[in-house]
C-alpha atoms as a PDB file:
ATOM      1  CA  MET A   1     121.520 164.638 141.674  1.00  0.00           C
ATOM      2  CA  GLY A   2     119.893 162.832 138.782  1.00  0.00           C
ATOM      3  CA  ALA A   3     121.771 159.649 139.619  1.00  0.00           C
ATOM      4  CA  ILE A   4     120.429 159.712 143.179  1.00  0.00           C
ATOM      5  CA  LEU A   5     116.864 160.036 141.887  1.00  0.00           C
ATOM      6  CA  ASP A   6     117.445 157.133 139.489  1.00  0.00           C
ATOM      7  CA  VAL A   7     118.669 154.952 142.362  1.00  0.00           C
ATOM      8  CA  THR A   8     115.675 155.800 144.556  1.00  0.00           C
ATOM      9  CA  GLU A   9     113.326 154.953 141.685  1.00  0.00           C
ATOM     10  CA  LEU A  10     115.180 151.665 141.153  1.00  0.00           C
ATOM     11  CA  LEU A  11     114.874 150.731 144.836  1.00  0.00           C
ATOM     12  CA  LYS A  12     111.080 150.990 144.674  1.00  0.00           C
ATOM     13  CA  GLU A  13     111.003 147.744 142.671  1.00  0.00           C
ATOM     14  CA  PRO A  14     111.858 144.317 144.153  1.00  0.00           C
ATOM     15  CA  SER A  15     114.290 143.536 141.340  1.00  0.00           C
ATOM     16  CA  GLY A  16     116.035 146.857 141.955  1.00  0.00           C
ATOM     17  CA  ILE A  17     116.480 146.038 145.632  1.00  0.00           C
ATOM     18  CA  ILE A  18     117.983 142.646 144.768  1.00  0.00           C
ATOM     19  CA  GLY A  19     120.321 144.256 142.229  1.00  0.00           C
ATOM     20  CA  ALA A  20     121.434 146.863 144.767  1.00  0.00           C
ATOM     21  CA  LEU A  21     122.132 144.154 147.347  1.00  0.00           C
ATOM     22  CA  VAL A  22     124.218 142.193 144.832  1.00  0.00           C
ATOM     23  CA  ILE A  23     126.255 145.305 144.004  1.00  0.00           C
ATOM     24  CA  ILE A  24     126.753 146.153 147.698  1.00  0.00           C
ATOM     25  CA  VAL A  25     127.876 142.598 148.554  1.00  0.00           C
ATOM     26  CA  ALA A  26     130.237 142.493 145.562  1.00  0.00           C
ATOM     27  CA  GLY A  27     131.688 145.864 146.582  1.00  0.00           C
ATOM     28  CA  TYR A  28     132.136 144.675 150.170  1.00  0.00           C
ATOM     29  CA  PHE A  29     134.074 141.567 149.134  1.00  0.00           C
ATOM     30  CA  PHE A  30     136.149 143.577 146.632  1.00  0.00           C
ATOM     31  CA  VAL A  31     137.188 146.059 149.329  1.00  0.00           C
ATOM     32  CA  LYS A  32     137.872 143.208 151.761  1.00  0.00           C
ATOM     33  CA  TRP A  33     140.053 141.522 149.108  1.00  0.00           C
ATOM     34  CA  VAL A  34     141.952 144.720 148.275  1.00  0.00           C
ATOM     35  CA  PHE A  35     142.731 145.547 151.904  1.00  0.00           C
ATOM     36  CA  ALA A  36     143.504 141.963 152.966  1.00  0.00           C
ATOM     37  CA  GLU A  37     146.895 141.249 154.417  1.00  0.00           C
ATOM     38  CA  PRO A  38     149.162 139.689 151.794  1.00  0.00           C
ATOM     39  CA  GLU A  39     149.985 136.049 152.460  1.00  0.00           C
ATOM     40  CA  ASP A  40     153.606 135.020 152.750  1.00  0.00           C
ATOM     41  CA  LYS A  41     154.319 132.384 150.113  1.00  0.00           C
ATOM     42  CA  GLU A  42     157.903 131.702 151.084  1.00  0.00           C
END
């Protein structure tokens, strides 16, 4: 519960919003990379 309150406090500041967006975008590309179909290199 404390972590959720910390995040909401962070999002009240412009720099916190930018940081959250960076983390979300990085997480999105990481998940996309992990679940990508493996390329055949034969």
